[in-house]
Amino acid sequence: MTLLVDRFVNRVEFDSYEDFFNNFEFVVPENFNFGFDVVDEYAKIDPEKLALIWCDDNEEFKFTFSDMKKLSNQAANFFKSQGIGKGDTVLLTLKNRFEFWICMVALHKINAIAIPATHMLKPHDITYRLEKASIKMIVTIDEDNLLNDFAQCADDLGMDIKKSVVANVNREGWLNFNEEIAKMSDVYERPTGDDDNSHEDTFLIYFSSGTSGEPKMVEHAHDYALGHITTAKYWQNVVEDGIHHTASDTGWGKAVWGNLYGQWISGTTIFIYDYVRFNGLDLIQKLVDYKVNTFCAPPTILKFLIKEDLTQFDLSNIKYMTTAGETLPPEVFNRFKELTGLEIKEGFGQTETTVSLATFKWLESHTGSVGKPCPAFDVSLVDADGNVVDIGDEGEIAFNISDKRSVGLFKSYYKDEVKTKEACHDGRYHCGDQAYCDEDGYFHFVGRNDDVIKSSGYRIGPYEVESALISHPSVLECAVTAYPDDTRVEIVKASIVLTKDYEPSEELTKEIQAHVKKATAPYKYPRMIVYVDELPKSTSGKIQRKVIRENDLRALGKL
């Protein structure tokens, strides 16, 4: 056994969820640094331990922890040669290239601040990020018009930004990342003195998905990496020398939830498939070929997968499945249980947190529930006045921060004291998400505060209606939003993308409405249904219900 997790927790094994919840504690070294204390430590005690398996449709690379130590040291020396040091911000738009893992570890080692971002950024998004985060350097793939957009936006802002590209291209003003690190020494000593880090120093910033308003910069400290021990070991149930895959682009916070910190600390190998265009069947084939045994994917991907013929695959290598990002429809849960015999274990969290509510490995899955609280956080449901609500009543998910910041919780919204105070006040961090707790202690996610529909005195969460809709064979994906109504204040509106075998019709609308009435409480059915080719989504892939609501208000002359 070469597991490092026992260095950072008071106990590794627990007999039950109750034992876990009551007795789990983190042990945080004062100057914890993931690069040195995890990656380099594995390279020391088990150098041939497999860290990363990476493939695309043409190539495959396998990296041991010894490889990762050497490559990250070379990258650290490269960043230092470009003037990047402690506290400097570096933007990474690397999709799922293996260089992402090298860069992340290297930036942690030099105590710079890594800022991952999606490769789908448009010029407006780029300008916003460069300026807001005072970016000092960019490392990017060469895709679409990214190189031109980055260069133009930096010039427009008058910013002198170092630029590096992970591709075999010669572009004026851009350094070739792989060529440059190959020139560097593979020795990099841990910083001392003023260049060393505290576990509370900022090391990572993710821009929030921006489902409402401009994205916020979510600032995390070094100990955030340790917070994901609960994510990986006790929710995703990764195992020593197993192989884990989380379906996520590195521009999303989900990537470090599922493909970096907790997994490596827990001693499992990460598998990455760097596809050009997502195809569910290709992904499943890779999971089978590489014998991935723990798998996590957002419901958005799982919804697509169940529309495909999965019976052609031998899925017996997958021993454990988890999901997060939105509520899992019962139809998806039941289909995967039928195919694999596995119950998908739901979880809940945000860019600001590690997993905070989850169906941890000791718990049975309850359809429609995200599970129970993580012991790392003191979670409660509160009303608008900050009072804890009763069992069965809806409330906002809130974390007690009156004593200190929990390991895994963000520090603040970077350089935005106003937004930080809006979320963190009265001794609590307010998530902005509504849920209720049942008599068994399971939490049920209702929706974002802004997404809840108020109709004829009822409060209707979009996810339950969407789950009912997606169980109809015609519905590929959908979004449920509030639509203004003079009689009911708001009515339920469903925007639906149909599967390839269906066409919009009045008959289909009535059939879908009748289906929803049977699948959930009749008053929740969508009184308005529109068929669309696609749904508005953020750069992280999340459906933007706010955009739909605003477009409706604009069309009605109310915005």
Protein backbone atom coordinates (compact mmCIF):
# COMPACT_ATOMS: atom_id res chain seq x y z
CA MET A 1 0.00 0.00 0.00
CA THR A 2 1.32 3.41 -0.97
CA LEU A 3 -1.77 5.40 -0.08
CA LEU A 4 -1.06 8.97 1.04
CA VAL A 5 -4.58 9.79 2.18
CA ASP A 6 -3.85 8.60 5.72
CA ARG A 7 -1.42 11.53 6.12
CA PHE A 8 -4.20 14.06 5.69
CA VAL A 9 -7.13 12.58 7.63
CA ASN A 10 -7.52 11.36 11.19
CA ARG A 11 -8.98 8.03 10.00
CA VAL A 12 -9.25 6.42 6.59
CA GLU A 13 -11.85 3.69 7.09
CA PHE A 14 -15.32 4.04 8.60
CA ASP A 15 -18.01 1.47 9.37
CA SER A 16 -21.02 3.52 8.34
CA TYR A 17 -22.15 6.94 7.19
CA GLU A 18 -22.87 7.83 10.82
CA ASP A 19 -19.34 6.84 11.82
CA PHE A 20 -17.96 8.88 8.91
CA PHE A 21 -20.09 11.94 9.65
CA ASN A 22 -19.37 11.97 13.38
CA ASN A 23 -15.66 11.15 13.35
CA PHE A 24 -14.05 12.27 10.08
CA GLU A 25 -11.50 15.13 10.34
CA PHE A 26 -8.85 16.59 8.06
CA VAL A 27 -5.21 16.83 9.12
CA VAL A 28 -3.81 19.85 7.26
CA PRO A 29 -0.05 20.53 7.21
CA GLU A 30 0.70 24.23 7.67
CA ASN A 31 2.43 24.58 4.30
CA PHE A 32 0.57 21.87 2.38
CA ASN A 33 1.36 21.94 -1.35
CA PHE A 34 -0.25 19.36 -3.63
CA GLY A 35 2.70 19.38 -6.02
CA PHE A 36 5.30 18.47 -3.42
CA ASP A 37 3.25 16.63 -0.79
CA VAL A 38 1.30 14.39 -3.17
CA VAL A 39 2.81 14.21 -6.66
CA ASP A 40 6.47 14.32 -5.63
CA GLU A 41 5.83 12.15 -2.59
CA TYR A 42 4.33 9.38 -4.73
CA ALA A 43 7.29 9.78 -7.10
CA LYS A 44 9.55 9.16 -4.09
CA ILE A 45 7.81 6.17 -2.48
CA ASP A 46 6.37 4.50 -5.61
CA PRO A 47 7.87 6.12 -8.73
CA GLU A 48 6.26 3.72 -11.21
CA LYS A 49 2.78 4.22 -9.80
CA LEU A 50 0.52 5.16 -12.70
CA ALA A 51 -0.89 8.68 -12.41
CA LEU A 52 -2.51 9.47 -15.75
CA ILE A 53 -3.66 7.58 -18.83
CA TRP A 54 -4.37 9.97 -21.68
CA CYS A 55 -5.62 9.26 -25.17
CA ASP A 56 -7.31 10.94 -28.09
CA ASP A 57 -8.47 9.23 -31.28
CA ASN A 58 -4.89 8.81 -32.54
CA GLU A 59 -2.43 8.74 -29.63
CA GLU A 60 -2.02 7.35 -26.14
CA PHE A 61 0.34 8.39 -23.33
CA LYS A 62 0.78 6.98 -19.85
CA PHE A 63 2.43 9.01 -17.10
CA THR A 64 3.78 7.67 -13.83
CA PHE A 65 4.15 9.91 -10.79
CA SER A 66 7.89 9.96 -11.52
CA ASP A 67 7.06 11.32 -14.99
CA MET A 68 4.71 13.90 -13.52
CA LYS A 69 7.35 15.06 -11.04
CA LYS A 70 9.96 15.58 -13.76
CA LEU A 71 7.61 17.22 -16.27
CA SER A 72 6.06 19.52 -13.67
CA ASN A 73 9.54 20.52 -12.50
CA GLN A 74 10.50 21.38 -16.07
CA ALA A 75 7.28 23.36 -16.44
CA ALA A 76 7.92 25.12 -13.12
CA ASN A 77 11.34 26.18 -14.35
CA PHE A 78 9.79 27.35 -17.62
CA PHE A 79 7.20 29.48 -15.81
CA LYS A 80 9.90 30.95 -13.60
CA SER A 81 11.97 31.77 -16.71
CA GLN A 82 9.01 33.79 -17.96
CA GLY A 83 8.86 35.81 -14.77
CA ILE A 84 5.92 33.93 -13.23
CA GLY A 85 6.14 33.59 -9.46
CA LYS A 86 4.15 33.48 -6.25
CA GLY A 87 0.71 35.06 -6.57
CA ASP A 88 0.87 35.56 -10.36
CA THR A 89 -2.19 34.50 -12.37
CA VAL A 90 -1.89 32.08 -15.30
CA LEU A 91 -4.84 31.29 -17.58
CA LEU A 92 -5.06 27.71 -18.87
CA THR A 93 -7.31 26.89 -21.82
CA LEU A 94 -6.17 23.35 -22.48
CA LYS A 95 -9.40 21.39 -23.02
CA ASN A 96 -8.34 17.85 -22.01
CA ARG A 97 -4.74 17.96 -23.18
CA PHE A 98 -2.33 16.16 -20.81
CA GLU A 99 -0.36 19.40 -20.49
CA PHE A 100 -3.15 20.64 -18.19
CA TRP A 101 -2.02 18.28 -15.42
CA ILE A 102 1.62 19.22 -15.93
CA CYS A 103 0.79 22.94 -15.76
CA MET A 104 -1.44 22.64 -12.71
CA VAL A 105 1.17 20.80 -10.66
CA ALA A 106 3.92 23.16 -11.81
CA LEU A 107 1.94 26.29 -10.94
CA HIS A 108 1.14 24.86 -7.51
CA LYS A 109 4.83 24.23 -6.93
CA ILE A 110 5.83 27.82 -7.69
CA ASN A 111 2.82 29.13 -5.72
CA ALA A 112 1.34 30.90 -8.72
CA ILE A 113 -2.44 31.00 -9.22
CA ALA A 114 -3.87 28.67 -11.85
CA ILE A 115 -7.02 29.85 -13.64
CA PRO A 116 -8.47 27.10 -15.85
CA ALA A 117 -10.97 28.18 -18.50
CA THR A 118 -12.91 26.58 -21.32
CA HIS A 119 -11.57 26.68 -24.86
CA MET A 120 -15.01 27.92 -26.00
CA LEU A 121 -14.38 31.47 -24.79
CA LYS A 122 -15.43 34.29 -27.10
CA PRO A 123 -13.61 37.66 -27.27
CA HIS A 124 -15.96 39.21 -24.70
CA ASP A 125 -15.26 36.33 -22.29
CA ILE A 126 -11.52 36.56 -22.89
CA THR A 127 -11.37 40.31 -22.33
CA TYR A 128 -13.38 39.96 -19.13
CA ARG A 129 -11.05 37.28 -17.75
CA LEU A 130 -7.77 38.89 -18.77
CA GLU A 131 -8.70 42.19 -17.18
CA LYS A 132 -10.61 40.94 -14.14
CA ALA A 133 -7.89 38.50 -13.06
CA SER A 134 -4.88 40.60 -14.18
CA ILE A 135 -3.59 37.63 -16.15
CA LYS A 136 0.21 37.46 -16.44
CA MET A 137 0.49 34.44 -18.77
CA ILE A 138 -1.66 32.25 -21.03
CA VAL A 139 -1.10 28.58 -21.89
CA THR A 140 -3.56 27.40 -24.51
CA ILE A 141 -4.39 24.91 -27.21
CA ASP A 142 -4.51 26.07 -30.84
CA GLU A 143 -8.19 25.69 -31.63
CA ASP A 144 -10.83 27.77 -33.42
CA ASN A 145 -9.55 31.35 -33.29
CA LEU A 146 -8.12 31.26 -29.77
CA LEU A 147 -4.59 32.42 -30.56
CA ASN A 148 -5.80 35.42 -32.55
CA ASP A 149 -8.50 36.26 -30.01
CA PHE A 150 -6.12 36.08 -27.05
CA ALA A 151 -3.52 38.22 -28.79
CA GLN A 152 -6.07 40.79 -29.98
CA CYS A 153 -7.80 41.08 -26.61
CA ALA A 154 -4.48 41.52 -24.80
CA ASP A 155 -3.46 44.23 -27.30
CA ASP A 156 -6.81 46.00 -26.95
CA LEU A 157 -6.34 46.06 -23.18
CA GLY A 158 -2.73 47.20 -23.48
CA MET A 159 -1.62 44.21 -21.40
CA ASP A 160 1.83 42.63 -21.79
CA ILE A 161 0.93 38.96 -21.32
CA LYS A 162 3.30 36.03 -21.83
CA LYS A 163 1.81 33.53 -24.27
CA SER A 164 2.49 29.81 -24.82
CA VAL A 165 0.73 27.25 -27.00
CA VAL A 166 0.67 23.44 -26.74
CA ALA A 167 0.83 22.66 -30.42
CA ASN A 168 3.42 22.19 -33.12
CA VAL A 169 2.85 25.61 -34.61
CA ASN A 170 5.16 28.53 -35.11
CA ARG A 171 3.26 31.69 -34.32
CA GLU A 172 4.93 35.03 -33.72
CA GLY A 173 4.64 36.03 -30.09
CA TRP A 174 3.81 32.51 -28.90
CA LEU A 175 6.22 30.08 -27.21
CA ASN A 176 5.84 26.37 -27.90
CA PHE A 177 5.15 24.93 -24.45
CA ASN A 178 6.49 21.42 -25.04
CA GLU A 179 9.61 22.59 -26.80
CA GLU A 180 10.34 25.11 -24.07
CA ILE A 181 9.92 22.76 -21.11
CA ALA A 182 12.12 20.18 -22.84
CA LYS A 183 14.98 22.71 -22.52
CA MET A 184 14.50 23.05 -18.77
CA SER A 185 16.02 21.19 -15.84
CA ASP A 186 13.81 18.49 -14.31
CA VAL A 187 14.97 19.52 -10.83
CA TYR A 188 12.95 22.08 -8.88
CA GLU A 189 13.42 22.42 -5.16
CA ARG A 190 10.61 23.31 -2.81
CA PRO A 191 10.59 27.07 -2.17
CA THR A 192 11.61 28.36 1.22
CA GLY A 193 11.18 31.62 3.09
CA ASP A 194 8.96 34.20 1.45
CA ASP A 195 8.48 32.01 -1.63
CA ASP A 196 7.04 29.12 0.43
CA ASN A 197 3.29 28.83 0.86
CA SER A 198 0.76 28.51 3.64
CA HIS A 199 -2.13 26.08 3.17
CA GLU A 200 -4.36 29.18 3.21
CA ASP A 201 -2.62 30.94 0.30
CA THR A 202 -4.58 31.25 -2.95
CA PHE A 203 -3.55 28.69 -5.55
CA LEU A 204 -6.59 28.27 -7.83
CA ILE A 205 -9.37 30.43 -9.26
CA TYR A 206 -12.30 29.20 -11.30
CA PHE A 207 -14.70 31.56 -12.99
CA SER A 208 -18.21 30.50 -12.04
CA SER A 209 -20.44 29.30 -14.85
CA GLY A 210 -22.23 32.61 -15.17
CA THR A 211 -25.77 31.17 -15.23
CA SER A 212 -26.85 34.50 -13.74
CA GLY A 213 -24.84 37.66 -14.44
CA GLU A 214 -21.14 37.86 -15.24
CA PRO A 215 -19.02 35.00 -13.89
CA LYS A 216 -17.52 35.46 -10.43
CA MET A 217 -13.92 34.49 -9.65
CA VAL A 218 -14.04 31.72 -7.06
CA GLU A 219 -10.82 31.83 -5.04
CA HIS A 220 -9.47 28.64 -3.45
CA ALA A 221 -6.58 28.01 -1.04
CA HIS A 222 -4.05 25.16 -1.22
CA ASP A 223 -6.05 23.11 1.29
CA TYR A 224 -8.92 22.92 -1.21
CA ALA A 225 -7.06 19.99 -2.78
CA LEU A 226 -7.32 18.09 0.51
CA GLY A 227 -11.03 18.86 0.66
CA HIS A 228 -11.55 16.61 -2.33
CA ILE A 229 -10.56 13.53 -0.35
CA THR A 230 -14.24 13.32 0.61
CA THR A 231 -15.22 13.77 -3.03
CA ALA A 232 -13.03 10.99 -4.35
CA LYS A 233 -12.64 8.39 -1.64
CA TYR A 234 -15.99 8.50 0.12
CA TRP A 235 -18.39 9.54 -2.65
CA GLN A 236 -16.82 8.41 -5.95
CA ASN A 237 -15.39 5.40 -4.09
CA VAL A 238 -12.09 5.41 -5.99
CA VAL A 239 -9.71 2.65 -5.00
CA GLU A 240 -5.97 2.20 -4.68
CA ASP A 241 -4.47 1.54 -8.14
CA GLY A 242 -7.91 1.65 -9.74
CA ILE A 243 -8.76 3.73 -12.83
CA HIS A 244 -11.19 6.62 -12.56
CA HIS A 245 -12.81 8.86 -15.15
CA THR A 246 -14.92 11.95 -14.66
CA ALA A 247 -16.46 13.32 -17.84
CA SER A 248 -15.47 16.97 -17.75
CA ASP A 249 -13.56 19.56 -19.70
CA THR A 250 -10.69 21.11 -17.71
CA GLY A 251 -12.35 24.51 -18.07
CA TRP A 252 -15.02 23.39 -15.60
CA GLY A 253 -14.56 23.12 -11.85
CA LYS A 254 -15.79 19.53 -12.19
CA ALA A 255 -12.41 18.63 -13.68
CA VAL A 256 -10.52 19.15 -10.43
CA TRP A 257 -13.41 17.55 -8.53
CA GLY A 258 -13.05 14.37 -10.52
CA ASN A 259 -9.74 14.25 -12.39
CA LEU A 260 -7.03 15.54 -10.11
CA TYR A 261 -6.83 16.23 -6.39
CA GLY A 262 -8.83 13.68 -4.43
CA GLN A 263 -8.20 10.92 -6.95
CA TRP A 264 -4.41 11.21 -6.85
CA ILE A 265 -4.35 11.65 -3.07
CA SER A 266 -6.42 8.46 -2.84
CA GLY A 267 -3.96 6.57 -5.06
CA THR A 268 -6.08 5.97 -8.15
CA THR A 269 -5.13 6.49 -11.80
CA ILE A 270 -6.97 9.12 -13.81
CA PHE A 271 -8.15 8.26 -17.32
CA ILE A 272 -8.71 11.07 -19.84
CA TYR A 273 -10.23 10.83 -23.32
CA ASP A 274 -9.47 14.01 -25.27
CA TYR A 275 -12.13 13.89 -28.00
CA VAL A 276 -12.63 16.42 -30.78
CA ARG A 277 -16.44 16.22 -30.64
CA PHE A 278 -18.39 14.48 -27.91
CA ASN A 279 -19.90 11.15 -28.89
CA GLY A 280 -21.41 9.08 -26.10
CA LEU A 281 -20.75 5.73 -27.75
CA ASP A 282 -17.07 6.61 -28.32
CA LEU A 283 -16.73 7.55 -24.64
CA ILE A 284 -18.31 4.29 -23.47
CA GLN A 285 -16.00 2.32 -25.79
CA LYS A 286 -12.97 4.03 -24.24
CA LEU A 287 -14.19 3.25 -20.72
CA VAL A 288 -14.50 -0.39 -21.71
CA ASP A 289 -11.15 -0.52 -23.56
CA TYR A 290 -9.21 1.05 -20.69
CA LYS A 291 -11.06 -0.90 -17.99
CA VAL A 292 -12.19 2.17 -16.07
CA ASN A 293 -13.78 0.98 -12.84
CA THR A 294 -15.15 4.18 -11.27
CA PHE A 295 -17.04 6.61 -13.48
CA CYS A 296 -18.60 10.01 -12.84
CA ALA A 297 -20.57 12.03 -15.38
CA PRO A 298 -23.10 14.86 -15.18
CA PRO A 299 -26.75 13.96 -15.85
CA THR A 300 -26.53 15.94 -19.11
CA ILE A 301 -24.16 13.30 -20.53
CA LEU A 302 -26.01 10.38 -18.95
CA LYS A 303 -29.27 11.57 -20.54
CA PHE A 304 -27.65 11.34 -23.95
CA LEU A 305 -26.18 7.91 -23.22
CA ILE A 306 -29.51 6.27 -22.36
CA LYS A 307 -30.87 7.31 -25.76
CA GLU A 308 -28.16 5.13 -27.35
CA ASP A 309 -27.95 1.35 -27.62
CA LEU A 310 -25.62 0.46 -24.74
CA THR A 311 -26.38 -3.26 -24.84
CA GLN A 312 -23.52 -3.72 -27.33
CA PHE A 313 -20.97 -2.94 -24.59
CA ASP A 314 -19.62 -5.08 -21.78
CA LEU A 315 -19.88 -2.64 -18.91
CA SER A 316 -18.82 -5.12 -16.22
CA ASN A 317 -15.53 -3.29 -15.60
CA ILE A 318 -17.46 -0.27 -14.21
CA LYS A 319 -17.89 -1.00 -10.51
CA TYR A 320 -19.17 2.35 -9.26
CA MET A 321 -21.01 5.31 -10.81
CA THR A 322 -21.61 8.82 -9.51
CA THR A 323 -23.17 11.99 -10.85
CA ALA A 324 -23.52 15.68 -9.98
CA GLY A 325 -24.35 18.97 -11.65
CA GLU A 326 -28.13 18.74 -11.63
CA THR A 327 -30.80 16.36 -10.39
CA LEU A 328 -30.64 12.88 -11.93
CA PRO A 329 -33.91 11.89 -13.65
CA PRO A 330 -35.34 8.54 -12.42
CA GLU A 331 -35.42 7.32 -16.02
CA VAL A 332 -31.63 7.65 -16.25
CA PHE A 333 -31.10 6.05 -12.83
CA ASN A 334 -33.31 3.09 -13.71
CA ARG A 335 -31.79 2.55 -17.16
CA PHE A 336 -28.23 2.38 -15.88
CA LYS A 337 -29.24 0.07 -13.06
CA GLU A 338 -30.86 -2.19 -15.64
CA LEU A 339 -27.70 -2.17 -17.79
CA THR A 340 -25.02 -2.42 -15.10
CA GLY A 341 -26.73 -3.44 -11.87
CA LEU A 342 -25.29 -0.27 -10.35
CA GLU A 343 -27.14 2.47 -8.52
CA ILE A 344 -25.81 5.86 -9.55
CA LYS A 345 -24.82 7.83 -6.45
CA GLU A 346 -25.72 11.51 -6.65
CA GLY A 347 -23.78 14.39 -5.16
CA PHE A 348 -24.13 18.14 -4.84
CA GLY A 349 -21.63 20.94 -4.67
CA GLN A 350 -20.60 24.13 -6.38
CA THR A 351 -17.52 25.75 -7.87
CA GLU A 352 -17.21 27.27 -4.39
CA THR A 353 -17.08 23.89 -2.61
CA THR A 354 -16.02 20.30 -2.71
CA VAL A 355 -18.82 17.72 -2.53
CA SER A 356 -21.12 18.98 0.24
CA LEU A 357 -24.15 16.68 -0.01
CA ALA A 358 -23.81 13.19 -1.42
CA THR A 359 -24.99 9.63 -1.47
CA PHE A 360 -21.78 8.49 0.17
CA LYS A 361 -20.64 4.93 -0.36
CA TRP A 362 -22.44 3.54 2.70
CA LEU A 363 -25.80 5.06 1.71
CA GLU A 364 -28.52 3.63 -0.49
CA SER A 365 -29.59 5.80 -3.41
CA HIS A 366 -32.93 7.55 -2.96
CA THR A 367 -34.35 8.60 -6.31
CA GLY A 368 -34.58 12.37 -6.47
CA SER A 369 -32.18 12.91 -3.58
CA VAL A 370 -28.60 14.13 -3.64
CA GLY A 371 -27.87 12.38 -0.34
CA LYS A 372 -26.70 13.53 3.07
CA PRO A 373 -24.24 16.18 4.33
CA CYS A 374 -20.48 15.83 4.06
CA PRO A 375 -18.79 15.97 7.50
CA ALA A 376 -16.42 18.65 6.20
CA PHE A 377 -19.29 21.15 6.28
CA ASP A 378 -21.92 22.20 8.82
CA VAL A 379 -24.91 22.29 6.44
CA SER A 380 -28.40 23.57 7.21
CA LEU A 381 -31.47 24.78 5.32
CA VAL A 382 -32.58 28.31 6.19
CA ASP A 383 -35.46 30.61 5.30
CA ALA A 384 -35.20 34.22 4.13
CA ASP A 385 -34.71 35.38 7.72
CA GLY A 386 -31.88 32.93 8.38
CA ASN A 387 -33.96 30.54 10.52
CA VAL A 388 -33.44 26.79 10.11
CA VAL A 389 -36.53 25.30 8.44
CA ASP A 390 -38.44 22.21 9.54
CA ILE A 391 -38.12 18.74 8.02
CA GLY A 392 -39.93 18.69 4.69
CA ASP A 393 -39.88 22.48 4.23
CA GLU A 394 -37.83 24.17 1.54
CA GLY A 395 -34.88 26.29 2.54
CA GLU A 396 -31.66 27.69 1.14
CA ILE A 397 -28.60 25.47 1.52
CA ALA A 398 -26.22 27.27 3.88
CA PHE A 399 -22.84 26.48 5.49
CA ASN A 400 -21.88 27.57 8.98
CA ILE A 401 -18.73 29.71 8.76
CA SER A 402 -19.05 31.48 12.11
CA ASP A 403 -16.07 29.62 13.57
CA LYS A 404 -13.70 29.25 10.59
CA ARG A 405 -13.59 28.40 6.91
CA SER A 406 -14.10 24.68 6.35
CA VAL A 407 -11.47 22.77 4.35
CA GLY A 408 -12.82 22.65 0.81
CA LEU A 409 -14.83 25.88 0.98
CA PHE A 410 -13.71 28.82 -1.15
CA LYS A 411 -11.93 31.81 0.41
CA SER A 412 -13.84 34.60 -1.33
CA TYR A 413 -14.83 35.98 -4.69
CA TYR A 414 -11.46 37.27 -5.85
CA LYS A 415 -11.22 41.07 -5.74
CA ASP A 416 -14.98 41.37 -5.18
CA GLU A 417 -15.81 42.23 -1.59
CA VAL A 418 -19.42 43.13 -2.44
CA LYS A 419 -20.30 39.75 -3.96
CA THR A 420 -18.42 37.97 -1.16
CA LYS A 421 -20.52 39.76 1.46
CA GLU A 422 -23.72 39.00 -0.48
CA ALA A 423 -22.94 35.28 -0.18
CA CYS A 424 -21.18 35.20 3.20
CA HIS A 425 -23.08 36.93 6.00
CA ASP A 426 -24.66 36.26 9.38
CA GLY A 427 -22.15 33.49 10.03
CA ARG A 428 -23.15 31.47 6.96
CA TYR A 429 -22.18 30.95 3.34
CA HIS A 430 -25.45 31.06 1.37
CA CYS A 431 -25.39 28.81 -1.69
CA GLY A 432 -28.36 30.34 -3.47
CA ASP A 433 -29.81 26.85 -3.97
CA GLN A 434 -33.11 25.59 -2.57
CA ALA A 435 -33.62 22.11 -1.11
CA TYR A 436 -35.64 20.23 1.48
CA CYS A 437 -34.69 17.42 3.85
CA ASP A 438 -36.90 14.36 4.29
CA GLU A 439 -37.50 12.36 7.48
CA ASP A 440 -34.62 9.99 6.63
CA GLY A 441 -32.13 12.88 6.50
CA TYR A 442 -31.81 12.86 2.70
CA PHE A 443 -31.63 16.23 0.95
CA HIS A 444 -33.66 16.90 -2.20
CA PHE A 445 -32.49 19.64 -4.54
CA VAL A 446 -35.25 21.98 -5.74
CA GLY A 447 -33.35 24.56 -7.81
CA ARG A 448 -31.58 27.88 -7.80
CA ASN A 449 -33.51 30.60 -5.96
CA ASP A 450 -34.10 32.40 -9.26
CA ASP A 451 -35.21 29.20 -11.04
CA VAL A 452 -38.05 28.25 -8.69
CA ILE A 453 -41.45 28.90 -10.33
CA LYS A 454 -44.23 30.51 -8.28
CA SER A 455 -47.58 29.52 -9.78
CA SER A 456 -51.03 29.86 -8.14
CA GLY A 457 -49.50 29.69 -4.69
CA TYR A 458 -47.31 26.68 -5.52
CA ARG A 459 -43.51 26.68 -5.59
CA ILE A 460 -42.31 24.44 -8.41
CA GLY A 461 -38.68 23.44 -8.86
CA PRO A 462 -37.59 22.99 -12.49
CA TYR A 463 -35.68 19.75 -11.98
CA GLU A 464 -38.63 17.56 -11.02
CA VAL A 465 -40.54 18.69 -14.11
CA GLU A 466 -37.47 18.23 -16.30
CA SER A 467 -37.02 14.72 -14.93
CA ALA A 468 -40.59 13.90 -15.88
CA LEU A 469 -40.11 15.38 -19.34
CA ILE A 470 -36.87 13.56 -20.07
CA SER A 471 -38.56 10.22 -19.34
CA HIS A 472 -40.70 10.73 -22.46
CA PRO A 473 -38.98 9.10 -25.46
CA SER A 474 -39.32 12.22 -27.61
CA VAL A 475 -37.34 14.50 -25.27
CA LEU A 476 -33.58 14.69 -25.80
CA GLU A 477 -33.03 17.60 -23.42
CA CYS A 478 -35.16 20.35 -21.95
CA ALA A 479 -35.28 23.44 -19.75
CA VAL A 480 -38.18 24.39 -17.50
CA THR A 481 -38.67 28.07 -16.68
CA ALA A 482 -41.27 30.49 -15.36
CA TYR A 483 -43.43 32.37 -17.87
CA PRO A 484 -45.47 35.44 -16.77
CA ASP A 485 -49.23 34.88 -16.45
CA ASP A 486 -51.92 37.35 -15.38
CA THR A 487 -53.99 34.73 -13.57
CA ARG A 488 -51.38 32.43 -12.02
CA VAL A 489 -48.52 34.98 -11.70
CA GLU A 490 -46.26 32.44 -13.48
CA ILE A 491 -46.84 29.24 -15.42
CA VAL A 492 -44.47 26.38 -16.17
CA LYS A 493 -42.85 26.64 -19.58
CA ALA A 494 -40.83 23.83 -21.15
CA SER A 495 -38.30 24.42 -23.93
CA ILE A 496 -37.64 21.04 -25.53
CA VAL A 497 -35.06 19.64 -27.92
CA LEU A 498 -36.58 16.56 -29.57
CA THR A 499 -34.85 13.30 -30.39
CA LYS A 500 -34.24 12.58 -34.07
CA ASP A 501 -37.34 10.37 -34.41
CA TYR A 502 -39.89 13.08 -33.49
CA GLU A 503 -41.29 16.24 -35.03
CA PRO A 504 -43.14 19.06 -33.25
CA SER A 505 -46.93 18.82 -33.32
CA GLU A 506 -49.95 19.77 -31.25
CA GLU A 507 -50.61 16.09 -30.67
CA LEU A 508 -47.10 15.57 -29.31
CA THR A 509 -47.51 18.57 -27.00
CA LYS A 510 -50.68 17.12 -25.51
CA GLU A 511 -49.03 13.71 -25.18
CA ILE A 512 -46.03 15.19 -23.33
CA GLN A 513 -48.29 17.22 -21.03
CA ALA A 514 -50.33 14.13 -20.17
CA HIS A 515 -47.12 12.21 -19.54
CA VAL A 516 -45.87 14.82 -17.06
CA LYS A 517 -49.21 14.83 -15.22
CA LYS A 518 -48.81 11.11 -14.62
CA ALA A 519 -45.10 11.29 -13.73
CA THR A 520 -45.37 14.07 -11.13
CA ALA A 521 -47.97 16.20 -9.38
CA PRO A 522 -50.47 17.33 -12.06
CA TYR A 523 -50.22 21.03 -11.15
CA LYS A 524 -46.55 20.97 -12.22
CA TYR A 525 -47.18 20.11 -15.86
CA PRO A 526 -45.90 22.60 -18.47
CA ARG A 527 -48.83 24.68 -19.69
CA MET A 528 -46.54 26.08 -22.38
CA ILE A 529 -44.24 23.92 -24.53
CA VAL A 530 -41.93 25.25 -27.24
CA TYR A 531 -39.66 23.16 -29.43
CA VAL A 532 -36.15 24.45 -30.06
CA ASP A 533 -33.06 23.25 -31.92
CA GLU A 534 -30.82 23.98 -28.96
CA LEU A 535 -30.88 25.42 -25.46
CA PRO A 536 -28.82 28.41 -24.32
CA LYS A 537 -25.82 27.19 -22.35
CA SER A 538 -22.90 28.72 -20.51
CA THR A 539 -19.35 27.99 -21.61
CA SER A 540 -19.28 25.25 -18.96
CA GLY A 541 -22.24 23.51 -20.60
CA LYS A 542 -24.89 24.44 -18.05
CA ILE A 543 -28.35 25.36 -19.30
CA GLN A 544 -28.98 29.08 -18.83
CA ARG A 545 -32.59 29.28 -17.72
CA LYS A 546 -32.10 32.97 -17.00
CA VAL A 547 -31.50 33.63 -20.71
CA ILE A 548 -34.79 31.93 -21.59
CA ARG A 549 -36.67 33.96 -18.96
CA GLU A 550 -35.10 37.23 -20.09
CA ASN A 551 -35.86 36.51 -23.76
CA ASP A 552 -39.49 35.89 -22.83
CA LEU A 553 -39.71 39.10 -20.81
CA ARG A 554 -38.08 41.03 -23.65
CA ALA A 555 -40.59 39.61 -26.16
CA LEU A 556 -43.43 40.66 -23.86
CA GLY A 557 -42.02 44.15 -23.51
CA LYS A 558 -41.41 43.66 -19.80
CA LEU A 559 -37.63 43.97 -19.90
